[in-house]
């Protein structure tokens, strides 16, 4: 009898745990990708993507959780179940689709730019010949420099890779590198508070942001997309976007073309 009761208890726990897991949605973010996802002054993660995901979970009836990924290993961590989605200013790449990941509709238009020190004398990408440039590991910027923009990279003295954008900017301000190759919204957000830095008037590679789900998660993707659409229709999406004026004009759901 005790064995039977023990088995029933274990099965009950498994059912309960399974139900809790099914109702939980874990957002995988880059924890230093301001203004999309970053640590707020209160010690909690915030940003446009974080706020939208939280609101979408409320609409969809899901318990929200957030997980800070290593951006270079984000898809490995997604596959391992450490999160249910990569939702953090992630560039939609054909390689992800080819690998079977479920990709949402794009929600943001972006591009790559170069950030330099104002006193560097660097005015265009051509001036980076013989210079040291930094880029974050696992980003579309790194992919571009190793792909379509490899000819530009070949002119550099060195391409330095960092774990996050903050480290790259720190290297730039400290003089260890001459430029940072970075997504435009992140560059604009960071440079706005730095009198010593500037963004070159040159865009290098148009791209769009979207969400990445594991292969086979089409239903979950559709559920989240429907919840986001509800936020667009009831005005919540625009209210959240208004807190981040630097990205509003490039949000596709608010600026249909």
Protein backbone atom coordinates (compact mmCIF):
# COMPACT_ATOMS: atom_id res chain seq x y z
CA UNK A 1 0.00 0.00 0.00
CA UNK A 2 2.82 2.38 0.86
CA UNK A 3 4.46 1.69 -2.50
CA UNK A 4 1.20 2.42 -4.30
CA UNK A 5 0.71 5.65 -2.36
CA UNK A 6 4.29 6.67 -3.12
CA UNK A 7 3.78 6.05 -6.84
CA UNK A 8 0.55 8.05 -6.84
CA UNK A 9 2.32 10.92 -5.09
CA UNK A 10 5.16 10.91 -7.62
CA UNK A 11 2.73 10.85 -10.54
CA UNK A 12 0.74 13.71 -9.02
CA UNK A 13 3.90 15.76 -8.65
CA UNK A 14 4.88 15.04 -12.25
CA UNK A 15 1.49 16.19 -13.48
CA UNK A 16 1.63 19.35 -11.38
CA UNK A 17 5.16 20.15 -12.50
CA UNK A 18 4.24 19.51 -16.11
CA UNK A 19 1.29 21.87 -15.88
CA UNK A 20 3.41 24.61 -14.31
CA UNK A 21 6.05 24.21 -16.99
CA UNK A 22 3.48 24.35 -19.79
CA UNK A 23 2.07 27.63 -18.42
CA UNK A 24 5.47 29.31 -18.06
CA UNK A 25 7.05 31.31 -20.86
CA UNK A 26 10.76 32.10 -20.56
CA UNK A 27 12.13 35.00 -22.58
CA UNK A 28 15.79 34.71 -23.53
CA UNK A 29 17.47 38.12 -23.64
CA UNK A 30 20.81 39.84 -24.08
CA UNK A 31 21.04 41.49 -20.62
CA UNK A 32 23.00 44.48 -21.91
CA UNK A 33 21.10 45.40 -25.07
CA UNK A 34 19.66 48.78 -24.13
CA UNK A 35 16.98 49.91 -25.06
CA UNK A 36 15.54 46.48 -25.90
CA UNK A 37 16.68 44.50 -22.85
CA UNK A 38 18.85 45.56 -19.93
CA UNK A 39 19.08 45.72 -16.15
CA UNK A 40 17.03 48.60 -14.74
CA UNK A 41 17.95 50.77 -11.77
CA UNK A 42 15.72 48.62 -9.57
CA UNK A 43 17.80 45.52 -10.28
CA UNK A 44 15.21 43.95 -12.59
CA UNK A 45 15.38 43.44 -16.34
CA UNK A 46 13.48 45.92 -18.45
CA UNK A 47 13.52 47.42 -21.94
CA UNK A 48 11.14 47.53 -24.88
CA UNK A 49 11.30 43.82 -25.69
CA UNK A 50 11.02 42.83 -22.03
CA UNK A 51 7.97 45.03 -21.46
CA UNK A 52 6.24 43.81 -24.61
CA UNK A 53 6.92 40.18 -23.76
CA UNK A 54 5.55 40.60 -20.22
CA UNK A 55 2.41 42.24 -21.56
CA UNK A 56 1.99 39.55 -24.23
CA UNK A 57 2.25 36.85 -21.56
CA UNK A 58 -0.54 38.51 -19.59
CA UNK A 59 -2.76 38.48 -22.68
CA UNK A 60 -1.87 34.85 -23.47
CA UNK A 61 -2.32 33.68 -19.87
CA UNK A 62 1.31 32.64 -19.45
CA UNK A 63 3.55 33.05 -16.42
CA UNK A 64 6.46 35.25 -17.46
CA UNK A 65 10.11 34.52 -16.70
CA UNK A 66 13.29 36.02 -18.10
CA UNK A 67 16.64 34.36 -18.74
CA UNK A 68 19.90 36.14 -19.62
CA UNK A 69 21.58 34.21 -22.42
CA UNK A 70 25.16 34.23 -23.63
CA UNK A 71 24.49 35.86 -26.99
CA UNK A 72 27.08 33.83 -28.85
CA UNK A 73 25.41 30.62 -27.59
CA UNK A 74 21.81 31.82 -27.61
CA UNK A 75 20.49 29.15 -29.98
CA UNK A 76 22.25 26.37 -28.06
CA UNK A 77 20.57 27.59 -24.89
CA UNK A 78 17.23 27.84 -26.68
CA UNK A 79 17.58 24.24 -27.90
CA UNK A 80 18.50 23.13 -24.38
CA UNK A 81 15.21 24.51 -23.06
CA UNK A 82 16.78 27.21 -20.92
CA UNK A 83 14.35 29.63 -22.55
CA UNK A 84 11.36 29.37 -24.89
CA UNK A 85 12.25 32.21 -27.24
CA UNK A 86 15.12 34.49 -28.15
CA UNK A 87 13.49 37.91 -27.99
CA UNK A 88 16.02 40.68 -27.62
CA UNK A 89 16.70 42.75 -30.72
CA UNK A 90 17.62 39.57 -32.59
CA UNK A 91 18.35 39.91 -36.28
CA UNK A 92 16.40 37.48 -38.46
CA UNK A 93 18.94 35.36 -40.33
CA UNK A 94 18.29 32.96 -43.19
CA UNK A 95 20.62 30.46 -41.50
CA UNK A 96 18.18 30.22 -38.57
CA UNK A 97 15.28 29.44 -40.89
CA UNK A 98 17.37 26.88 -42.76
CA UNK A 99 18.26 25.23 -39.43
CA UNK A 100 14.55 24.79 -38.69
CA UNK A 101 13.95 27.48 -36.09
CA UNK A 102 10.49 29.01 -36.08
CA UNK A 103 10.89 32.71 -36.79
CA UNK A 104 8.20 35.32 -36.14
CA UNK A 105 7.22 38.15 -38.43
CA UNK A 106 9.74 41.02 -38.21
CA UNK A 107 8.92 43.88 -35.86
CA UNK A 108 11.85 46.29 -36.25
CA UNK A 109 13.99 47.75 -39.06
CA UNK A 110 17.64 48.18 -38.13
CA UNK A 111 21.11 48.58 -39.62
CA UNK A 112 24.74 48.41 -38.61
CA UNK A 113 26.77 51.54 -37.86
CA UNK A 114 30.24 52.46 -36.69
CA UNK A 115 30.88 54.35 -33.46
CA UNK A 116 34.19 56.19 -33.03
CA UNK A 117 35.73 58.81 -30.75
CA UNK A 118 35.06 62.35 -31.94
CA UNK A 119 38.75 63.22 -31.85
CA UNK A 120 39.80 60.13 -33.84
CA UNK A 121 39.75 61.77 -37.27
CA UNK A 122 37.72 58.83 -38.59
CA UNK A 123 34.88 59.99 -40.84
CA UNK A 124 34.03 56.94 -42.99
CA UNK A 125 34.59 53.20 -42.96
CA UNK A 126 37.47 53.73 -45.42
CA UNK A 127 39.37 55.49 -42.63
CA UNK A 128 39.44 52.25 -40.62
CA UNK A 129 42.28 50.82 -42.69
CA UNK A 130 44.98 49.77 -40.25
CA UNK A 131 42.67 50.38 -37.26
CA UNK A 132 41.33 48.09 -34.53
CA UNK A 133 37.57 47.50 -34.58
CA UNK A 134 35.40 45.76 -31.95
CA UNK A 135 32.18 43.78 -32.46
CA UNK A 136 30.06 41.59 -30.18
CA UNK A 137 30.27 37.83 -30.57
CA UNK A 138 27.27 36.11 -32.12
CA UNK A 139 25.78 39.27 -33.62
CA UNK A 140 24.72 40.07 -37.15
CA UNK A 141 27.54 42.61 -37.18
CA UNK A 142 30.12 39.89 -36.65
CA UNK A 143 28.42 37.78 -39.35
CA UNK A 144 28.52 40.69 -41.80
CA UNK A 145 32.19 41.36 -41.20
CA UNK A 146 32.95 37.69 -41.78
CA UNK A 147 30.66 37.57 -44.82
CA UNK A 148 29.42 40.37 -47.08
CA UNK A 149 31.72 42.95 -45.47
CA UNK A 150 34.81 40.74 -45.29
CA UNK A 151 36.62 43.06 -47.72
CA UNK A 152 36.17 45.89 -45.23
CA UNK A 153 37.32 43.68 -42.35
CA UNK A 154 40.46 42.77 -44.29
CA UNK A 155 41.52 46.42 -44.16
CA UNK A 156 41.48 46.45 -40.34
CA UNK A 157 44.62 45.90 -38.34
CA UNK A 158 42.50 43.67 -36.09
CA UNK A 159 38.89 42.71 -35.41
CA UNK A 160 38.34 42.31 -31.65
CA UNK A 161 35.32 40.34 -30.44
CA UNK A 162 33.70 41.02 -27.06
CA UNK A 163 31.03 39.21 -25.06
CA UNK A 164 28.72 42.22 -25.07
CA UNK A 165 28.38 45.73 -26.48
CA UNK A 166 29.21 47.40 -23.17
CA UNK A 167 32.66 45.83 -23.19
CA UNK A 168 33.18 47.00 -26.77
CA UNK A 169 32.24 50.58 -25.91
CA UNK A 170 34.47 50.49 -22.83
CA UNK A 171 37.38 49.42 -25.03
CA UNK A 172 36.57 52.27 -27.43
CA UNK A 173 36.44 54.93 -24.72
CA UNK A 174 39.64 53.61 -23.20
CA UNK A 175 41.47 53.80 -26.53
CA UNK A 176 42.04 50.05 -26.89
CA UNK A 177 40.00 49.98 -30.13
CA UNK A 178 39.32 52.65 -32.74
CA UNK A 179 35.70 51.83 -33.60
CA UNK A 180 32.75 49.64 -32.61
CA UNK A 181 30.55 47.96 -35.22
CA UNK A 182 27.09 47.82 -33.67
CA UNK A 183 23.33 47.85 -34.27
CA UNK A 184 22.09 51.40 -34.84
CA UNK A 185 19.52 51.59 -31.98
CA UNK A 186 22.10 50.44 -29.44
CA UNK A 187 24.64 52.92 -30.81
CA UNK A 188 22.18 55.81 -30.68
CA UNK A 189 21.11 54.95 -27.15
CA UNK A 190 24.71 54.74 -25.88
CA UNK A 191 26.16 57.73 -27.73
CA UNK A 192 23.32 60.02 -26.62
CA UNK A 193 24.95 60.25 -23.20
CA UNK A 194 28.56 60.42 -24.38
CA UNK A 195 30.00 63.73 -25.63
CA UNK A 196 33.25 62.03 -26.63
CA UNK A 197 31.69 59.62 -29.14
CA UNK A 198 29.94 59.89 -32.51
CA UNK A 199 28.20 57.63 -35.01
CA UNK A 200 29.54 57.75 -38.55
CA UNK A 201 27.01 58.92 -41.13
CA UNK A 202 27.14 55.59 -42.94
CA UNK A 203 24.91 52.52 -42.63
CA UNK A 204 26.35 49.10 -43.41
CA UNK A 205 23.74 46.40 -43.81
CA UNK A 206 19.97 46.64 -43.40
CA UNK A 207 18.31 44.02 -41.20
CA UNK A 208 15.13 43.24 -39.28
CA UNK A 209 14.51 41.98 -35.75
CA UNK A 210 12.26 39.05 -34.94
CA UNK A 211 11.70 36.24 -32.44
CA UNK A 212 13.27 32.77 -32.63
CA UNK A 213 11.46 29.67 -31.30
CA UNK A 214 12.59 26.05 -31.33
CA UNK A 215 11.76 23.83 -34.29
CA UNK A 216 8.21 22.55 -33.96
CA UNK A 217 7.02 25.50 -31.86
CA UNK A 218 4.82 27.01 -34.57
CA UNK A 219 1.79 26.94 -32.26
CA UNK A 220 3.62 28.78 -29.49
CA UNK A 221 4.93 31.35 -31.96
CA UNK A 222 1.40 31.94 -33.28
CA UNK A 223 0.06 32.31 -29.74
CA UNK A 224 2.66 34.95 -28.86
CA UNK A 225 2.20 36.79 -32.16
CA UNK A 226 -1.58 36.89 -31.58
CA UNK A 227 -1.01 38.31 -28.09
CA UNK A 228 1.31 40.99 -29.47
CA UNK A 229 -1.29 41.88 -32.11
CA UNK A 230 -3.83 42.35 -29.32
CA UNK A 231 -1.39 44.78 -27.67
CA UNK A 232 -1.11 46.68 -30.95
CA UNK A 233 -4.89 46.87 -31.34
CA UNK A 234 -5.66 47.95 -27.77
CA UNK A 235 -2.94 50.63 -27.73
CA UNK A 236 -0.68 48.99 -25.14
CA UNK A 237 2.06 48.44 -27.71
CA UNK A 238 2.18 52.14 -28.57
CA UNK A 239 2.13 53.11 -24.88
CA UNK A 240 5.16 50.95 -24.16
CA UNK A 241 6.93 52.14 -27.31
CA UNK A 242 6.48 55.78 -26.22
CA UNK A 243 8.87 55.09 -23.34
CA UNK A 244 11.60 54.38 -25.91
CA UNK A 245 11.42 57.31 -28.38
CA UNK A 246 14.70 56.39 -30.04
CA UNK A 247 13.21 53.26 -31.63
CA UNK A 248 9.57 54.24 -32.27
CA UNK A 249 10.05 55.26 -35.90
CA UNK A 250 11.47 51.86 -36.84
CA UNK A 251 8.82 49.70 -35.18
CA UNK A 252 7.04 47.95 -38.04
CA UNK A 253 3.77 47.35 -36.16
CA UNK A 254 3.39 51.11 -35.61
CA UNK A 255 4.72 52.26 -38.96
CA UNK A 256 3.19 50.05 -41.62
CA UNK A 257 4.74 50.56 -45.03
